Amino acid sequence: MTRYTLSLLLMLLVFTVYSQSVVGVWKTIDDDDGVEKSHVEIYEQGGKYFGKIIKTLDPTIPEMCGECKGDLKDTPMIGLQILNDLKKDGDEWTGGKILDPANGKIYKCKMSLESADVLNVRGFIGFSLIGRTQQWYRVK
């Protein structure tokens, strides 16, 4: 009986840790028209978090990032890294940058989980007060 209880507690702990992680695939939705845009895979590497587009859902999204600047100009949307260098800071992931491929601009970024399946992603200039927040939804 104690093995069963220990196994159950271990599974609960693993589920709790997993549900508090941003690692995984997230669906992005346009703020203005509610159209599903893409799937972004967030992953951890060397204690920092990154995200790349792994699938586009909206047929109007171009295959290449024509609005991107510098080395990213005309790179394929699939595989485009849009989240960079975020670090876990308490209940948030902060200190990184986010690329908006629609306009090619790079913003400061912070993220927080609203629930296990809803991620608040905030892009901003300067202070966090000047920016916008999108909700991304975990893909199961």
N, C-alpha and C. Protein backbone atom coordinates (compact mmCIF):
# COMPACT_ATOMS: atom_id res chain seq x y z
N MET A 1 0.82 -1.20 0.00
CA MET A 1 0.00 0.00 0.00
C MET A 1 0.86 1.27 0.00
N THR A 2 1.97 1.27 0.70
CA THR A 2 2.81 2.47 0.74
C THR A 2 3.49 2.72 -0.60
N ARG A 3 3.81 1.66 -1.34
CA ARG A 3 4.39 1.86 -2.67
C ARG A 3 3.39 2.56 -3.59
N TYR A 4 2.14 2.15 -3.48
CA TYR A 4 1.09 2.76 -4.28
C TYR A 4 0.96 4.24 -3.93
N THR A 5 0.95 4.56 -2.65
CA THR A 5 0.82 5.94 -2.20
C THR A 5 2.03 6.76 -2.65
N LEU A 6 3.23 6.19 -2.51
CA LEU A 6 4.44 6.88 -2.93
C LEU A 6 4.43 7.13 -4.44
N SER A 7 4.02 6.14 -5.20
CA SER A 7 3.93 6.30 -6.65
C SER A 7 2.93 7.38 -7.03
N LEU A 8 1.80 7.40 -6.36
CA LEU A 8 0.78 8.40 -6.62
C LEU A 8 1.29 9.80 -6.30
N LEU A 9 1.97 9.96 -5.18
CA LEU A 9 2.54 11.26 -4.81
C LEU A 9 3.61 11.70 -5.80
N LEU A 10 4.43 10.76 -6.26
CA LEU A 10 5.46 11.09 -7.23
C LEU A 10 4.84 11.55 -8.55
N MET A 11 3.79 10.86 -9.00
CA MET A 11 3.10 11.27 -10.22
C MET A 11 2.48 12.64 -10.06
N LEU A 12 1.90 12.92 -8.91
CA LEU A 12 1.30 14.22 -8.64
C LEU A 12 2.36 15.32 -8.66
N LEU A 13 3.52 15.04 -8.10
CA LEU A 13 4.61 16.01 -8.10
C LEU A 13 5.08 16.28 -9.52
N VAL A 14 5.25 15.25 -10.32
CA VAL A 14 5.67 15.42 -11.72
C VAL A 14 4.63 16.24 -12.48
N PHE A 15 3.36 15.95 -12.29
CA PHE A 15 2.29 16.70 -12.95
C PHE A 15 2.31 18.16 -12.52
N THR A 16 2.51 18.41 -11.24
CA THR A 16 2.54 19.78 -10.74
C THR A 16 3.71 20.56 -11.34
N VAL A 17 4.88 19.95 -11.39
CA VAL A 17 6.04 20.61 -11.98
C VAL A 17 5.80 20.86 -13.46
N TYR A 18 5.28 19.85 -14.18
CA TYR A 18 5.02 20.01 -15.61
C TYR A 18 4.00 21.11 -15.86
N SER A 19 2.94 21.15 -15.05
CA SER A 19 1.89 22.13 -15.29
C SER A 19 2.35 23.55 -14.99
N GLN A 20 3.45 23.71 -14.27
CA GLN A 20 3.97 25.04 -13.98
C GLN A 20 5.10 25.43 -14.92
N SER A 21 5.23 24.71 -16.00
CA SER A 21 6.30 24.97 -16.94
C SER A 21 5.74 25.57 -18.23
N VAL A 22 6.52 26.44 -18.83
CA VAL A 22 6.12 27.01 -20.12
C VAL A 22 6.62 26.13 -21.27
N VAL A 23 7.44 25.14 -20.96
CA VAL A 23 7.97 24.26 -21.99
C VAL A 23 6.83 23.50 -22.65
N GLY A 24 6.80 23.51 -23.97
CA GLY A 24 5.76 22.83 -24.71
C GLY A 24 5.38 23.62 -25.95
N VAL A 25 4.27 23.22 -26.55
CA VAL A 25 3.78 23.87 -27.76
C VAL A 25 2.56 24.72 -27.41
N TRP A 26 2.55 25.95 -27.92
CA TRP A 26 1.50 26.93 -27.61
C TRP A 26 0.89 27.47 -28.89
N LYS A 27 -0.43 27.66 -28.88
CA LYS A 27 -1.14 28.24 -30.02
C LYS A 27 -1.27 29.74 -29.81
N THR A 28 -0.89 30.51 -30.84
CA THR A 28 -1.02 31.96 -30.78
C THR A 28 -2.28 32.38 -31.53
N ILE A 29 -2.90 33.44 -31.03
CA ILE A 29 -4.14 33.95 -31.62
C ILE A 29 -4.00 35.47 -31.79
N ASP A 30 -4.41 35.97 -32.96
CA ASP A 30 -4.31 37.40 -33.25
C ASP A 30 -5.20 38.20 -32.31
N ASP A 31 -4.65 39.26 -31.76
CA ASP A 31 -5.40 40.13 -30.83
C ASP A 31 -6.59 40.79 -31.50
N ASP A 32 -6.42 41.21 -32.74
CA ASP A 32 -7.43 42.02 -33.41
C ASP A 32 -8.61 41.22 -33.92
N ASP A 33 -8.33 40.13 -34.63
CA ASP A 33 -9.44 39.41 -35.28
C ASP A 33 -9.70 38.01 -34.72
N GLY A 34 -8.91 37.57 -33.74
CA GLY A 34 -9.14 36.27 -33.11
C GLY A 34 -8.75 35.07 -33.96
N VAL A 35 -8.03 35.32 -35.06
CA VAL A 35 -7.62 34.23 -35.96
C VAL A 35 -6.43 33.49 -35.34
N GLU A 36 -6.49 32.15 -35.36
CA GLU A 36 -5.37 31.34 -34.89
C GLU A 36 -4.21 31.53 -35.86
N LYS A 37 -3.04 31.89 -35.34
CA LYS A 37 -1.90 32.25 -36.19
C LYS A 37 -0.87 31.13 -36.32
N SER A 38 -0.41 30.60 -35.19
CA SER A 38 0.70 29.66 -35.28
C SER A 38 0.80 28.80 -34.03
N HIS A 39 1.68 27.80 -34.13
CA HIS A 39 2.10 27.02 -32.97
C HIS A 39 3.55 27.39 -32.70
N VAL A 40 3.84 27.72 -31.45
CA VAL A 40 5.19 28.09 -31.04
C VAL A 40 5.66 27.06 -30.02
N GLU A 41 6.82 26.49 -30.27
CA GLU A 41 7.42 25.55 -29.33
C GLU A 41 8.36 26.31 -28.41
N ILE A 42 8.09 26.26 -27.11
CA ILE A 42 8.97 26.88 -26.12
C ILE A 42 9.81 25.76 -25.50
N TYR A 43 11.11 26.02 -25.43
CA TYR A 43 12.03 25.03 -24.89
C TYR A 43 13.06 25.72 -24.01
N GLU A 44 13.68 24.93 -23.14
CA GLU A 44 14.69 25.42 -22.22
C GLU A 44 16.05 24.93 -22.68
N GLN A 45 17.01 25.83 -22.64
CA GLN A 45 18.38 25.47 -23.02
C GLN A 45 19.34 26.29 -22.18
N GLY A 46 20.14 25.62 -21.40
CA GLY A 46 21.14 26.30 -20.57
C GLY A 46 20.53 27.25 -19.56
N GLY A 47 19.37 26.92 -19.02
CA GLY A 47 18.73 27.76 -18.01
C GLY A 47 17.95 28.93 -18.58
N LYS A 48 17.89 29.06 -19.91
CA LYS A 48 17.12 30.11 -20.55
C LYS A 48 16.04 29.48 -21.42
N TYR A 49 15.02 30.27 -21.72
CA TYR A 49 13.88 29.77 -22.48
C TYR A 49 13.80 30.48 -23.82
N PHE A 50 13.50 29.70 -24.84
CA PHE A 50 13.42 30.18 -26.21
C PHE A 50 12.14 29.65 -26.84
N GLY A 51 11.72 30.26 -27.92
CA GLY A 51 10.54 29.79 -28.62
C GLY A 51 10.67 29.99 -30.11
N LYS A 52 10.21 28.99 -30.88
CA LYS A 52 10.26 29.09 -32.33
C LYS A 52 8.93 28.65 -32.92
N ILE A 53 8.62 29.23 -34.07
CA ILE A 53 7.40 28.86 -34.78
C ILE A 53 7.62 27.49 -35.41
N ILE A 54 6.70 26.55 -35.12
CA ILE A 54 6.84 25.22 -35.70
C ILE A 54 5.71 24.91 -36.69
N LYS A 55 4.67 25.77 -36.69
CA LYS A 55 3.56 25.55 -37.61
C LYS A 55 2.79 26.86 -37.77
N THR A 56 2.41 27.18 -39.00
CA THR A 56 1.53 28.33 -39.22
C THR A 56 0.13 27.80 -39.46
N LEU A 57 -0.86 28.49 -38.92
CA LEU A 57 -2.26 28.07 -39.00
C LEU A 57 -3.08 28.96 -39.92
N ASP A 58 -2.61 30.16 -40.15
CA ASP A 58 -3.31 31.15 -40.96
C ASP A 58 -2.70 31.16 -42.37
N PRO A 59 -3.49 30.85 -43.40
CA PRO A 59 -2.93 30.79 -44.75
C PRO A 59 -2.43 32.14 -45.28
N THR A 60 -2.77 33.24 -44.61
CA THR A 60 -2.28 34.55 -45.07
C THR A 60 -0.87 34.86 -44.57
N ILE A 61 -0.34 34.03 -43.67
CA ILE A 61 1.02 34.25 -43.18
C ILE A 61 2.00 33.88 -44.29
N PRO A 62 2.91 34.79 -44.63
CA PRO A 62 3.88 34.48 -45.69
C PRO A 62 4.83 33.37 -45.25
N GLU A 63 5.42 32.69 -46.22
CA GLU A 63 6.37 31.62 -45.91
C GLU A 63 7.68 32.18 -45.36
N MET A 64 8.03 33.38 -45.76
CA MET A 64 9.28 34.00 -45.33
C MET A 64 8.98 35.27 -44.52
N CYS A 65 9.89 35.61 -43.63
CA CYS A 65 9.71 36.81 -42.80
C CYS A 65 10.28 38.01 -43.54
N GLY A 66 9.48 38.58 -44.41
CA GLY A 66 9.89 39.74 -45.19
C GLY A 66 10.04 41.00 -44.37
N GLU A 67 9.36 41.08 -43.23
CA GLU A 67 9.43 42.27 -42.38
C GLU A 67 10.60 42.22 -41.39
N CYS A 68 11.20 41.05 -41.23
CA CYS A 68 12.32 40.91 -40.29
C CYS A 68 13.52 41.72 -40.78
N LYS A 69 14.35 42.09 -39.85
CA LYS A 69 15.52 42.92 -40.16
C LYS A 69 16.81 42.09 -40.06
N GLY A 70 17.87 42.59 -40.68
CA GLY A 70 19.20 42.00 -40.55
C GLY A 70 19.26 40.56 -41.04
N ASP A 71 19.92 39.71 -40.24
CA ASP A 71 20.11 38.31 -40.61
C ASP A 71 18.80 37.53 -40.71
N LEU A 72 17.75 38.03 -40.08
CA LEU A 72 16.46 37.33 -40.09
C LEU A 72 15.63 37.66 -41.33
N LYS A 73 16.03 38.67 -42.08
CA LYS A 73 15.30 39.08 -43.28
C LYS A 73 15.15 37.89 -44.23
N ASP A 74 13.90 37.64 -44.64
CA ASP A 74 13.56 36.58 -45.59
C ASP A 74 13.93 35.18 -45.11
N THR A 75 13.95 34.96 -43.80
CA THR A 75 14.13 33.61 -43.29
C THR A 75 12.76 32.93 -43.23
N PRO A 76 12.73 31.60 -43.33
CA PRO A 76 11.44 30.90 -43.28
C PRO A 76 10.72 31.12 -41.94
N MET A 77 9.40 31.27 -42.01
CA MET A 77 8.61 31.42 -40.78
C MET A 77 8.70 30.16 -39.93
N ILE A 78 8.63 28.99 -40.59
CA ILE A 78 8.74 27.74 -39.84
C ILE A 78 10.18 27.63 -39.36
N GLY A 79 10.35 27.54 -38.06
CA GLY A 79 11.68 27.48 -37.46
C GLY A 79 12.19 28.83 -36.99
N LEU A 80 11.46 29.90 -37.29
CA LEU A 80 11.87 31.24 -36.88
C LEU A 80 11.80 31.36 -35.35
N GLN A 81 12.93 31.71 -34.76
CA GLN A 81 12.98 31.87 -33.31
C GLN A 81 12.44 33.24 -32.95
N ILE A 82 11.33 33.26 -32.21
CA ILE A 82 10.70 34.54 -31.86
C ILE A 82 10.85 34.89 -30.38
N LEU A 83 11.18 33.92 -29.54
CA LEU A 83 11.42 34.17 -28.12
C LEU A 83 12.88 33.88 -27.82
N ASN A 84 13.53 34.77 -27.09
CA ASN A 84 14.95 34.61 -26.80
C ASN A 84 15.29 34.99 -25.36
N ASP A 85 16.10 34.16 -24.73
CA ASP A 85 16.81 34.49 -23.48
C ASP A 85 15.93 34.81 -22.28
N LEU A 86 14.75 34.23 -22.19
CA LEU A 86 13.93 34.45 -21.00
C LEU A 86 14.46 33.58 -19.86
N LYS A 87 14.39 34.11 -18.64
CA LYS A 87 14.85 33.37 -17.46
C LYS A 87 13.70 33.26 -16.46
N LYS A 88 13.65 32.13 -15.80
CA LYS A 88 12.63 31.92 -14.75
C LYS A 88 12.94 32.86 -13.60
N ASP A 89 11.94 33.61 -13.16
CA ASP A 89 12.09 34.57 -12.07
C ASP A 89 10.84 34.48 -11.22
N GLY A 90 10.84 33.60 -10.23
CA GLY A 90 9.65 33.38 -9.42
C GLY A 90 8.55 32.75 -10.26
N ASP A 91 7.42 33.44 -10.37
CA ASP A 91 6.29 32.95 -11.16
C ASP A 91 6.29 33.49 -12.58
N GLU A 92 7.36 34.18 -12.97
CA GLU A 92 7.42 34.76 -14.31
C GLU A 92 8.70 34.31 -15.02
N TRP A 93 8.69 34.53 -16.32
CA TRP A 93 9.87 34.35 -17.15
C TRP A 93 10.16 35.73 -17.72
N THR A 94 11.34 36.28 -17.43
CA THR A 94 11.62 37.68 -17.75
C THR A 94 13.00 37.83 -18.39
N GLY A 95 13.30 39.07 -18.78
CA GLY A 95 14.63 39.42 -19.24
C GLY A 95 14.94 39.05 -20.68
N GLY A 96 13.92 38.61 -21.41
CA GLY A 96 14.17 38.19 -22.78
C GLY A 96 13.58 39.14 -23.79
N LYS A 97 13.54 38.67 -25.01
CA LYS A 97 13.02 39.46 -26.13
C LYS A 97 12.05 38.62 -26.93
N ILE A 98 11.13 39.30 -27.62
CA ILE A 98 10.19 38.65 -28.51
C ILE A 98 10.19 39.39 -29.85
N LEU A 99 10.19 38.63 -30.91
CA LEU A 99 10.11 39.16 -32.27
C LEU A 99 8.68 39.06 -32.75
N ASP A 100 8.14 40.16 -33.26
CA ASP A 100 6.84 40.13 -33.90
C ASP A 100 7.08 40.01 -35.40
N PRO A 101 6.90 38.82 -35.97
CA PRO A 101 7.22 38.64 -37.39
C PRO A 101 6.29 39.43 -38.32
N ALA A 102 5.17 39.90 -37.81
CA ALA A 102 4.24 40.69 -38.64
C ALA A 102 4.82 42.06 -38.99
N ASN A 103 5.64 42.61 -38.08
CA ASN A 103 6.23 43.92 -38.37
C ASN A 103 7.75 43.93 -38.27
N GLY A 104 8.35 42.81 -37.87
CA GLY A 104 9.80 42.70 -37.79
C GLY A 104 10.42 43.36 -36.58
N LYS A 105 9.61 43.87 -35.67
CA LYS A 105 10.13 44.57 -34.50
C LYS A 105 10.41 43.59 -33.36
N ILE A 106 11.42 43.94 -32.56
CA ILE A 106 11.80 43.14 -31.40
C ILE A 106 11.47 43.95 -30.15
N TYR A 107 10.82 43.29 -29.20
CA TYR A 107 10.39 43.93 -27.97
C TYR A 107 10.96 43.17 -26.77
N LYS A 108 11.04 43.85 -25.64
CA LYS A 108 11.32 43.15 -24.39
C LYS A 108 10.13 42.25 -24.12
N CYS A 109 10.36 41.20 -23.34
CA CYS A 109 9.29 40.22 -23.14
C CYS A 109 9.30 39.67 -21.73
N LYS A 110 8.11 39.37 -21.25
CA LYS A 110 7.96 38.60 -20.02
C LYS A 110 6.73 37.72 -20.18
N MET A 111 6.74 36.61 -19.49
CA MET A 111 5.64 35.64 -19.59
C MET A 111 5.26 35.17 -18.19
N SER A 112 4.00 34.79 -18.07
CA SER A 112 3.52 34.17 -16.83
C SER A 112 2.37 33.24 -17.16
N LEU A 113 2.27 32.18 -16.39
CA LEU A 113 1.18 31.23 -16.58
C LEU A 113 -0.05 31.73 -15.84
N GLU A 114 -1.14 31.86 -16.56
CA GLU A 114 -2.42 32.16 -15.92
C GLU A 114 -3.01 30.88 -15.35
N SER A 115 -2.81 29.79 -16.08
CA SER A 115 -3.17 28.45 -15.64
C SER A 115 -2.22 27.50 -16.34
N ALA A 116 -2.38 26.21 -16.13
CA ALA A 116 -1.49 25.24 -16.77
C ALA A 116 -1.55 25.32 -18.29
N ASP A 117 -2.67 25.80 -18.83
CA ASP A 117 -2.87 25.80 -20.27
C ASP A 117 -3.02 27.18 -20.89
N VAL A 118 -2.83 28.24 -20.11
CA VAL A 118 -2.93 29.61 -20.63
C VAL A 118 -1.67 30.38 -20.21
N LEU A 119 -0.97 30.89 -21.22
CA LEU A 119 0.26 31.62 -21.01
C LEU A 119 0.05 33.08 -21.41
N ASN A 120 0.35 33.99 -20.50
CA ASN A 120 0.31 35.42 -20.80
C ASN A 120 1.70 35.84 -21.28
N VAL A 121 1.76 36.34 -22.51
CA VAL A 121 3.02 36.77 -23.11
C VAL A 121 2.92 38.28 -23.34
N ARG A 122 3.82 39.03 -22.69
CA ARG A 122 3.78 40.49 -22.79
C ARG A 122 5.01 40.99 -23.51
N GLY A 123 4.80 41.72 -24.58
CA GLY A 123 5.86 42.41 -25.29
C GLY A 123 5.75 43.90 -24.98
N PHE A 124 6.90 44.54 -24.74
CA PHE A 124 6.84 45.94 -24.34
C PHE A 124 8.12 46.68 -24.73
N ILE A 125 7.99 48.00 -24.74
CA ILE A 125 9.12 48.89 -25.00
C ILE A 125 9.44 49.59 -23.70
N GLY A 126 10.68 49.56 -23.29
CA GLY A 126 11.07 50.25 -22.06
C GLY A 126 10.47 49.59 -20.84
N PHE A 127 9.42 50.20 -20.29
CA PHE A 127 8.76 49.67 -19.11
C PHE A 127 7.61 48.76 -19.51
N SER A 128 7.31 47.82 -18.67
CA SER A 128 6.26 46.85 -18.94
C SER A 128 4.88 47.49 -19.11
N LEU A 129 4.71 48.73 -18.61
CA LEU A 129 3.41 49.39 -18.72
C LEU A 129 3.07 49.75 -20.16
N ILE A 130 4.12 49.93 -20.99
CA ILE A 130 3.90 50.31 -22.38
C ILE A 130 4.09 49.07 -23.26
N GLY A 131 3.00 48.39 -23.53
CA GLY A 131 3.08 47.17 -24.32
C GLY A 131 1.73 46.50 -24.43
N ARG A 132 1.75 45.24 -24.84
CA ARG A 132 0.51 44.50 -24.95
C ARG A 132 0.75 43.06 -24.53
N THR A 133 -0.32 42.44 -24.07
CA THR A 133 -0.26 41.06 -23.61
C THR A 133 -1.15 40.20 -24.50
N GLN A 134 -0.61 39.08 -24.93
CA GLN A 134 -1.38 38.07 -25.66
C GLN A 134 -1.52 36.85 -24.78
N GLN A 135 -2.61 36.14 -24.98
CA GLN A 135 -2.76 34.86 -24.32
C GLN A 135 -2.49 33.77 -25.35
N TRP A 136 -1.61 32.85 -24.99
CA TRP A 136 -1.31 31.68 -25.81
C TRP A 136 -1.89 30.48 -25.09
N TYR A 137 -2.29 29.47 -25.86
CA TYR A 137 -2.98 28.31 -25.31
C TYR A 137 -2.18 27.05 -25.59
N ARG A 138 -1.98 26.25 -24.54
CA ARG A 138 -1.18 25.03 -24.67
C ARG A 138 -1.84 24.07 -25.65
N VAL A 139 -1.04 23.51 -26.55
CA VAL A 139 -1.50 22.50 -27.50
C VAL A 139 -1.26 21.15 -26.85
N LYS A 140 -2.30 20.35 -26.78
CA LYS A 140 -2.17 19.04 -26.13
C LYS A 140 -1.91 17.96 -27.13
